């Protein structure tokens, strides 16, 4: 395998580890809660199966995560008026509040860590990460 690919794989694994290790500084939501609430902020309301599809989760995992967030009153579940057999979920004001606090905490950490990066370097990182995530999503399909 190509040496740059070994380094990329390792650096991504290390990045995940470092951000996980510093998660208390990144707010009070775990990664799955953060991503689920972020999706609901953008696309609420969603059926649980659509939410699972957005996040590339199996339905049982998405359902468990929804139940946890529902228990914390960060989301609410209600029947779809077009199809009563389907439940929709949406973010609550409490969920939106905690999400925005965590987003700000995460922004503050990244602003501090990346403070010495030039605008061009930040743009390259943004472009590369966006492409990598898009390509990973396409690869899983």
C-alpha atoms as a PDB file:
ATOM      1  CA  UNK A   1       0.000   0.000   0.000  1.00  0.00           C
ATOM      2  CA  UNK A   2       1.128   3.517  -0.735  1.00  0.00           C
ATOM      3  CA  UNK A   3       3.005   5.224   2.146  1.00  0.00           C
ATOM      4  CA  UNK A   4       0.837   8.401   2.013  1.00  0.00           C
ATOM      5  CA  UNK A   5      -2.283   6.251   2.489  1.00  0.00           C
ATOM      6  CA  UNK A   6      -0.747   4.635   5.582  1.00  0.00           C
ATOM      7  CA  UNK A   7      -0.058   8.074   7.019  1.00  0.00           C
ATOM      8  CA  UNK A   8      -3.537   9.390   6.130  1.00  0.00           C
ATOM      9  CA  UNK A   9      -5.199   6.367   7.747  1.00  0.00           C
ATOM     10  CA  UNK A  10      -3.101   6.755  10.898  1.00  0.00           C
ATOM     11  CA  UNK A  11      -3.615  10.526  11.144  1.00  0.00           C
ATOM     12  CA  UNK A  12      -7.395  10.163  10.813  1.00  0.00           C
ATOM     13  CA  UNK A  13      -7.418   7.471  13.525  1.00  0.00           C
ATOM     14  CA  UNK A  14      -5.310   9.744  15.737  1.00  0.00           C
ATOM     15  CA  UNK A  15      -7.608  12.722  15.073  1.00  0.00           C
ATOM     16  CA  UNK A  16     -10.653  10.691  16.117  1.00  0.00           C
ATOM     17  CA  UNK A  17      -8.809   9.589  19.270  1.00  0.00           C
ATOM     18  CA  UNK A  18      -7.666  13.115  20.150  1.00  0.00           C
ATOM     19  CA  UNK A  19     -11.088  14.663  19.660  1.00  0.00           C
ATOM     20  CA  UNK A  20     -12.645  11.837  21.684  1.00  0.00           C
ATOM     21  CA  UNK A  21     -10.082  12.283  24.466  1.00  0.00           C
ATOM     22  CA  UNK A  22     -10.906  15.987  24.631  1.00  0.00           C
ATOM     23  CA  UNK A  23     -14.666  15.505  24.343  1.00  0.00           C
ATOM     24  CA  UNK A  24     -15.431  17.123  27.747  1.00  0.00           C
ATOM     25  CA  UNK A  25     -14.004  20.334  26.291  1.00  0.00           C
ATOM     26  CA  UNK A  26     -16.225  19.886  23.242  1.00  0.00           C
ATOM     27  CA  UNK A  27     -19.507  19.945  25.159  1.00  0.00           C
ATOM     28  CA  UNK A  28     -21.902  17.655  26.964  1.00  0.00           C
ATOM     29  CA  UNK A  29     -23.190  15.623  23.999  1.00  0.00           C
ATOM     30  CA  UNK A  30     -21.480  12.485  22.826  1.00  0.00           C
ATOM     31  CA  UNK A  31     -20.632  12.176  19.143  1.00  0.00           C
ATOM     32  CA  UNK A  32     -23.769  10.257  18.169  1.00  0.00           C
ATOM     33  CA  UNK A  33     -26.045  12.694  20.043  1.00  0.00           C
ATOM     34  CA  UNK A  34     -24.262  15.647  18.462  1.00  0.00           C
ATOM     35  CA  UNK A  35     -24.605  14.282  14.935  1.00  0.00           C
ATOM     36  CA  UNK A  36     -28.238  13.241  15.370  1.00  0.00           C
ATOM     37  CA  UNK A  37     -29.251  16.634  16.770  1.00  0.00           C
ATOM     38  CA  UNK A  38     -27.283  18.398  14.030  1.00  0.00           C
ATOM     39  CA  UNK A  39     -29.185  16.441  11.366  1.00  0.00           C
ATOM     40  CA  UNK A  40     -32.489  17.258  13.024  1.00  0.00           C
ATOM     41  CA  UNK A  41     -31.573  20.937  13.243  1.00  0.00           C
ATOM     42  CA  UNK A  42     -31.112  20.937   9.466  1.00  0.00           C
ATOM     43  CA  UNK A  43     -33.892  18.604   8.358  1.00  0.00           C
ATOM     44  CA  UNK A  44     -36.565  18.366  11.121  1.00  0.00           C
ATOM     45  CA  UNK A  45     -38.935  16.673  11.208  1.00  0.00           C
ATOM     46  CA  UNK A  46     -37.678  13.342   9.903  1.00  0.00           C
ATOM     47  CA  UNK A  47     -38.872   9.780  10.061  1.00  0.00           C
ATOM     48  CA  UNK A  48     -36.494   7.603  12.041  1.00  0.00           C
ATOM     49  CA  UNK A  49     -35.646   5.548   8.954  1.00  0.00           C
ATOM     50  CA  UNK A  50     -34.757   8.745   7.039  1.00  0.00           C
ATOM     51  CA  UNK A  51     -32.621   9.900   9.962  1.00  0.00           C
ATOM     52  CA  UNK A  52     -30.854   6.533   9.965  1.00  0.00           C
ATOM     53  CA  UNK A  53     -30.227   6.883   6.237  1.00  0.00           C
ATOM     54  CA  UNK A  54     -28.832  10.413   6.632  1.00  0.00           C
ATOM     55  CA  UNK A  55     -26.367   9.202   9.274  1.00  0.00           C
ATOM     56  CA  UNK A  56     -25.631   5.815   7.629  1.00  0.00           C
ATOM     57  CA  UNK A  57     -26.943   3.933  10.682  1.00  0.00           C
ATOM     58  CA  UNK A  58     -29.013   0.795  10.863  1.00  0.00           C
ATOM     59  CA  UNK A  59     -32.579   1.375  11.989  1.00  0.00           C
ATOM     60  CA  UNK A  60     -32.162  -0.260  15.408  1.00  0.00           C
ATOM     61  CA  UNK A  61     -29.154   1.938  16.240  1.00  0.00           C
ATOM     62  CA  UNK A  62     -31.000   5.073  15.152  1.00  0.00           C
ATOM     63  CA  UNK A  63     -34.047   4.023  17.192  1.00  0.00           C
ATOM     64  CA  UNK A  64     -31.910   3.548  20.322  1.00  0.00           C
ATOM     65  CA  UNK A  65     -30.262   6.937  19.852  1.00  0.00           C
ATOM     66  CA  UNK A  66     -33.656   8.579  19.310  1.00  0.00           C
ATOM     67  CA  UNK A  67     -34.953   6.976  22.525  1.00  0.00           C
ATOM     68  CA  UNK A  68     -31.993   8.328  24.513  1.00  0.00           C
ATOM     69  CA  UNK A  69     -32.452  11.857  23.175  1.00  0.00           C
ATOM     70  CA  UNK A  70     -36.202  11.644  23.667  1.00  0.00           C
ATOM     71  CA  UNK A  71     -35.582  10.679  27.303  1.00  0.00           C
ATOM     72  CA  UNK A  72     -33.453  13.797  27.711  1.00  0.00           C
ATOM     73  CA  UNK A  73     -36.218  15.912  26.126  1.00  0.00           C
ATOM     74  CA  UNK A  74     -33.856  16.976  23.302  1.00  0.00           C
ATOM     75  CA  UNK A  75     -36.180  15.598  20.631  1.00  0.00           C
ATOM     76  CA  UNK A  76     -39.855  14.739  20.413  1.00  0.00           C
ATOM     77  CA  UNK A  77     -41.568  11.957  18.525  1.00  0.00           C
ATOM     78  CA  UNK A  78     -45.029  12.306  16.987  1.00  0.00           C
ATOM     79  CA  UNK A  79     -47.135  10.484  14.384  1.00  0.00           C
ATOM     80  CA  UNK A  80     -46.843  11.471  10.743  1.00  0.00           C
ATOM     81  CA  UNK A  81     -50.151  13.066   9.735  1.00  0.00           C
ATOM     82  CA  UNK A  82     -49.803  11.531   6.252  1.00  0.00           C
ATOM     83  CA  UNK A  83     -49.075   8.034   7.546  1.00  0.00           C
ATOM     84  CA  UNK A  84     -49.982   7.305  11.163  1.00  0.00           C
ATOM     85  CA  UNK A  85     -47.812   4.176  11.181  1.00  0.00           C
ATOM     86  CA  UNK A  86     -44.686   6.320  10.881  1.00  0.00           C
ATOM     87  CA  UNK A  87     -43.195   8.364  13.707  1.00  0.00           C
ATOM     88  CA  UNK A  88     -41.473  11.628  12.962  1.00  0.00           C
ATOM     89  CA  UNK A  89     -38.873  13.182  15.235  1.00  0.00           C
ATOM     90  CA  UNK A  90     -37.910  16.795  15.630  1.00  0.00           C
ATOM     91  CA  UNK A  91     -35.528  18.730  17.802  1.00  0.00           C
ATOM     92  CA  UNK A  92     -37.048  20.469  20.838  1.00  0.00           C
ATOM     93  CA  UNK A  93     -36.127  23.940  22.124  1.00  0.00           C
ATOM     94  CA  UNK A  94     -34.061  22.196  24.846  1.00  0.00           C
ATOM     95  CA  UNK A  95     -32.297  20.118  22.202  1.00  0.00           C
ATOM     96  CA  UNK A  96     -31.608  23.172  20.099  1.00  0.00           C
ATOM     97  CA  UNK A  97     -30.228  25.012  23.130  1.00  0.00           C
ATOM     98  CA  UNK A  98     -27.823  22.214  24.120  1.00  0.00           C
ATOM     99  CA  UNK A  99     -26.787  21.703  20.492  1.00  0.00           C
ATOM    100  CA  UNK A 100     -25.934  25.383  20.077  1.00  0.00           C
ATOM    101  CA  UNK A 101     -23.940  25.379  23.331  1.00  0.00           C
ATOM    102  CA  UNK A 102     -21.972  22.334  22.207  1.00  0.00           C
ATOM    103  CA  UNK A 103     -21.453  23.789  18.723  1.00  0.00           C
ATOM    104  CA  UNK A 104     -20.045  26.946  20.308  1.00  0.00           C
ATOM    105  CA  UNK A 105     -17.758  24.933  22.620  1.00  0.00           C
ATOM    106  CA  UNK A 106     -16.512  22.901  19.644  1.00  0.00           C
ATOM    107  CA  UNK A 107     -16.044  26.058  17.563  1.00  0.00           C
ATOM    108  CA  UNK A 108     -14.031  27.661  20.372  1.00  0.00           C
ATOM    109  CA  UNK A 109     -11.724  24.638  20.664  1.00  0.00           C
ATOM    110  CA  UNK A 110     -11.150  24.449  16.909  1.00  0.00           C
ATOM    111  CA  UNK A 111     -10.573  28.209  16.739  1.00  0.00           C
ATOM    112  CA  UNK A 112      -7.885  27.879  19.405  1.00  0.00           C
ATOM    113  CA  UNK A 113      -6.240  24.796  17.896  1.00  0.00           C
ATOM    114  CA  UNK A 114      -6.266  26.242  14.370  1.00  0.00           C
ATOM    115  CA  UNK A 115      -5.457  29.848  15.276  1.00  0.00           C
ATOM    116  CA  UNK A 116      -2.063  29.769  13.526  1.00  0.00           C
ATOM    117  CA  UNK A 117      -3.394  28.334  10.281  1.00  0.00           C
ATOM    118  CA  UNK A 118      -3.663  30.682   7.325  1.00  0.00           C
ATOM    119  CA  UNK A 119      -7.015  31.222   5.587  1.00  0.00           C
ATOM    120  CA  UNK A 120      -5.665  29.183   2.662  1.00  0.00           C
ATOM    121  CA  UNK A 121      -4.702  26.274   4.940  1.00  0.00           C
ATOM    122  CA  UNK A 122      -8.127  26.369   6.589  1.00  0.00           C
ATOM    123  CA  UNK A 123      -9.788  26.347   3.183  1.00  0.00           C
ATOM    124  CA  UNK A 124      -7.663  23.373   2.067  1.00  0.00           C
ATOM    125  CA  UNK A 125      -8.583  21.485   5.236  1.00  0.00           C
ATOM    126  CA  UNK A 126     -12.286  22.278   4.798  1.00  0.00           C
ATOM    127  CA  UNK A 127     -12.216  21.215   1.150  1.00  0.00           C
ATOM    128  CA  UNK A 128     -10.290  18.019   1.860  1.00  0.00           C
ATOM    129  CA  UNK A 129     -12.472  16.960   4.808  1.00  0.00           C
ATOM    130  CA  UNK A 130     -15.677  17.722   2.915  1.00  0.00           C
ATOM    131  CA  UNK A 131     -14.497  15.647  -0.025  1.00  0.00           C
ATOM    132  CA  UNK A 132     -13.301  12.804   2.189  1.00  0.00           C
ATOM    133  CA  UNK A 133     -16.648  12.619   4.009  1.00  0.00           C
ATOM    134  CA  UNK A 134     -18.575  12.788   0.725  1.00  0.00           C
ATOM    135  CA  UNK A 135     -16.442  10.013  -0.766  1.00  0.00           C
ATOM    136  CA  UNK A 136     -16.839   7.826   2.339  1.00  0.00           C
ATOM    137  CA  UNK A 137     -20.619   8.283   2.206  1.00  0.00           C
ATOM    138  CA  UNK A 138     -20.646   7.333  -1.481  1.00  0.00           C
ATOM    139  CA  UNK A 139     -18.391   4.317  -0.833  1.00  0.00           C
ATOM    140  CA  UNK A 140     -20.772   2.871   1.795  1.00  0.00           C
ATOM    141  CA  UNK A 141     -23.756   2.832  -0.565  1.00  0.00           C
END
